Amino acid sequence: MAAKLQNDFEPMEEREVSFPPAHTAEHLLNQTMIRLFGCGRSYNAHVERKKSKMSFHLDHKPTRQEEKEIERRMNELIAEDLPVTFEYVSRDMLPEEISTERLPADASGTIRLVRIGDYDVCACIGKHVRSTSQIGRFEMLGTNWDETERSFRVRFKIV
C-alpha cells in the first residue's frame, strides 16, 4: 500500500514495467518528438526489453536526416546524465502542461509526476532509472510512415 500524503491523498502504486531503461527512454522520445515536430505525445506505445515501438501523429513524413536527428538527440540526452525525479501533486493542482486524458478512471487524487531534468515532465506510475546515463544507447531499428493516418512509427531498442 502506498504511503498517504498530505490531505489523505493516496497515490497509485508504482506499476511494473518490463524494462525501466526503455520506459525512461520512452519519456525522452516523447519530448524529443514534441520538440522536433510540434506533435503530441505518442498515441500508441509498446515498450519492451528487446524492441520497442512508439507511434506519433505528424504533419509530414520525416526525412532520413530528421530520423538521424532523433537518434542523435536521444543519445545526447542519455549522455547528459539528467536526473529522473518524482513529485506528487494533487490532481486539481497539476501544472497546465500535464494531460490527464490517459490517466486511468480509478487514478487517485494524488498524481505522480516524473521529471527528467528540465527536459520532460509527465504523469506516470511506471518504474524508471535514476538518471539518463543508466539507460544505455538508443538505437533506432527502423520507421514506418502511414500517409492515410499521418502516423510515424519509431522502432528502437536500448543497448
Protein backbone atom coordinates (compact mmCIF):
# COMPACT_ATOMS: atom_id res chain seq x y z
CA MET A 1 0.00 0.00 0.00
CA ALA A 2 1.38 3.43 -0.89
CA ALA A 3 2.12 5.89 1.89
CA LYS A 4 -0.54 8.53 2.48
CA LEU A 5 0.37 12.10 1.67
CA GLN A 6 -0.96 15.42 2.87
CA ASN A 7 -4.74 15.80 2.84
CA ASP A 8 -5.13 11.99 2.94
CA PHE A 9 -4.50 11.59 -0.80
CA GLU A 10 -3.22 8.16 -1.65
CA PRO A 11 -1.01 7.88 -4.74
CA MET A 12 -1.43 4.97 -7.11
CA GLU A 13 1.02 2.11 -6.67
CA GLU A 14 4.10 2.19 -8.88
CA ARG A 15 3.40 -0.01 -11.91
CA GLU A 16 5.81 -2.69 -13.02
CA VAL A 17 7.22 -2.16 -16.48
CA SER A 18 9.20 -4.68 -18.45
CA PHE A 19 12.42 -2.67 -18.68
CA PRO A 20 12.86 0.65 -16.82
CA PRO A 21 15.69 1.92 -19.13
CA ALA A 22 13.43 1.60 -22.19
CA HIS A 23 10.49 3.09 -20.29
CA THR A 24 12.59 6.12 -19.33
CA ALA A 25 13.73 6.40 -22.95
CA GLU A 26 10.04 6.46 -23.90
CA HIS A 27 9.67 9.71 -21.94
CA LEU A 28 12.72 11.21 -23.69
CA LEU A 29 11.49 10.15 -27.13
CA ASN A 30 8.07 11.68 -26.49
CA GLN A 31 9.59 15.05 -25.62
CA THR A 32 12.11 14.84 -28.47
CA MET A 33 9.31 14.30 -30.97
CA ILE A 34 7.31 17.18 -29.45
CA ARG A 35 10.30 19.50 -29.79
CA LEU A 36 11.34 18.38 -33.28
CA PHE A 37 7.90 18.08 -34.89
CA GLY A 38 5.46 20.02 -32.71
CA CYS A 39 3.32 16.91 -32.25
CA GLY A 40 1.69 15.42 -29.18
CA ARG A 41 3.00 12.54 -27.09
CA SER A 42 2.77 9.10 -28.70
CA TYR A 43 -0.72 7.74 -29.17
CA ASN A 44 0.44 4.13 -29.18
CA ALA A 45 3.49 2.68 -27.44
CA HIS A 46 4.74 -0.83 -26.84
CA VAL A 47 7.93 -0.70 -24.78
CA GLU A 48 9.87 -3.90 -24.10
CA ARG A 49 13.40 -5.08 -23.32
CA LYS A 50 14.19 -6.46 -26.80
CA LYS A 51 12.38 -3.99 -29.04
CA SER A 52 10.04 -1.06 -28.56
CA LYS A 53 7.78 0.94 -30.84
CA MET A 54 6.00 4.25 -30.50
CA SER A 55 3.63 5.98 -32.91
CA PHE A 56 3.08 9.71 -33.38
CA HIS A 57 0.69 11.78 -35.46
CA LEU A 58 2.81 14.17 -37.58
CA ASP A 59 2.11 16.70 -40.30
CA HIS A 60 4.74 15.21 -42.63
CA LYS A 61 6.82 12.11 -43.20
CA PRO A 62 10.21 12.73 -41.54
CA THR A 63 13.23 12.77 -43.84
CA ARG A 64 16.14 10.40 -43.30
CA GLN A 65 18.06 13.39 -41.92
CA GLU A 66 15.28 14.07 -39.39
CA GLU A 67 15.31 10.40 -38.38
CA LYS A 68 19.06 10.57 -37.75
CA GLU A 69 18.49 13.73 -35.70
CA ILE A 70 16.02 11.87 -33.46
CA GLU A 71 18.63 9.20 -32.73
CA ARG A 72 21.41 11.77 -32.23
CA ARG A 73 19.34 13.84 -29.78
CA MET A 74 18.25 10.78 -27.84
CA ASN A 75 21.83 9.64 -27.30
CA GLU A 76 22.90 13.18 -26.45
CA LEU A 77 20.19 13.38 -23.76
CA ILE A 78 21.17 9.98 -22.38
CA ALA A 79 24.81 11.09 -22.15
CA GLU A 80 23.81 14.30 -20.30
CA ASP A 81 23.04 12.13 -17.25
CA LEU A 82 19.82 14.01 -16.50
CA PRO A 83 18.28 13.17 -13.11
CA VAL A 84 14.94 11.35 -13.05
CA THR A 85 12.87 12.64 -10.13
CA PHE A 86 9.33 12.27 -8.85
CA GLU A 87 6.88 14.76 -7.42
CA TYR A 88 3.42 14.08 -6.02
CA VAL A 89 0.73 16.67 -6.66
CA SER A 90 -2.99 16.89 -6.12
CA ARG A 91 -4.96 16.23 -9.30
CA ASP A 92 -6.50 19.71 -9.08
CA MET A 93 -3.04 21.31 -8.73
CA LEU A 94 -1.47 19.75 -11.82
CA PRO A 95 0.58 22.11 -13.97
CA GLU A 96 -1.44 23.02 -17.09
CA GLU A 97 1.00 21.27 -19.45
CA ILE A 98 0.21 17.90 -17.82
CA SER A 99 -2.53 15.98 -19.62
CA THR A 100 -4.86 13.79 -17.59
CA GLU A 101 -6.59 12.14 -20.54
CA ARG A 102 -4.53 8.94 -20.26
CA LEU A 103 -4.90 8.54 -16.52
CA PRO A 104 -6.99 5.52 -15.54
CA ALA A 105 -10.50 6.21 -14.32
CA ASP A 106 -9.55 4.93 -10.86
CA ALA A 107 -6.48 7.19 -10.55
CA SER A 108 -6.20 8.63 -7.07
CA GLY A 109 -6.42 12.31 -6.21
CA THR A 110 -2.63 12.43 -5.97
CA ILE A 111 -0.72 12.16 -9.23
CA ARG A 112 2.96 11.27 -9.56
CA LEU A 113 4.87 13.48 -11.96
CA VAL A 114 8.08 12.11 -13.43
CA ARG A 115 10.67 14.74 -14.33
CA ILE A 116 13.71 14.12 -16.47
CA GLY A 117 15.94 17.09 -15.72
CA ASP A 118 14.35 20.19 -17.21
CA TYR A 119 13.62 18.26 -20.41
CA ASP A 120 10.36 16.40 -19.76
CA VAL A 121 7.61 16.05 -17.18
CA CYS A 122 4.52 13.87 -17.32
CA ALA A 123 2.19 11.88 -15.11
CA CYS A 124 3.41 8.29 -14.84
CA ILE A 125 3.34 5.39 -12.38
CA GLY A 126 5.95 3.22 -14.14
CA LYS A 127 9.42 2.34 -12.93
CA HIS A 128 12.34 4.42 -14.20
CA VAL A 129 16.11 4.60 -13.96
CA ARG A 130 17.62 7.20 -11.58
CA SER A 131 19.38 9.14 -14.33
CA THR A 132 19.52 9.05 -18.11
CA SER A 133 23.09 7.70 -18.21
CA GLN A 134 21.65 4.42 -16.87
CA ILE A 135 19.54 3.98 -20.00
CA GLY A 136 22.31 2.78 -22.30
CA ARG A 137 22.39 3.62 -26.01
CA PHE A 138 19.28 4.39 -28.06
CA GLU A 139 19.37 2.54 -31.37
CA MET A 140 16.71 3.25 -33.98
CA LEU A 141 15.79 -0.01 -35.71
CA GLY A 142 13.50 1.50 -38.32
CA THR A 143 10.48 3.63 -39.00
CA ASN A 144 7.18 3.40 -40.84
CA TRP A 145 5.02 6.14 -42.28
CA ASP A 146 1.28 5.74 -42.83
CA GLU A 147 0.19 8.52 -45.18
CA THR A 148 -3.52 7.93 -44.62
CA GLU A 149 -3.24 8.15 -40.83
CA ARG A 150 -0.37 10.69 -40.92
CA SER A 151 1.29 8.34 -38.47
CA PHE A 152 5.01 7.86 -37.89
CA ARG A 153 6.13 4.74 -36.01
CA VAL A 154 9.59 4.56 -34.48
CA ARG A 155 11.04 1.14 -33.66
CA PHE A 156 14.01 1.15 -31.30
CA LYS A 157 15.99 -0.81 -28.78
CA ILE A 158 18.15 0.11 -25.83
CA VAL A 159 21.60 -1.49 -25.80
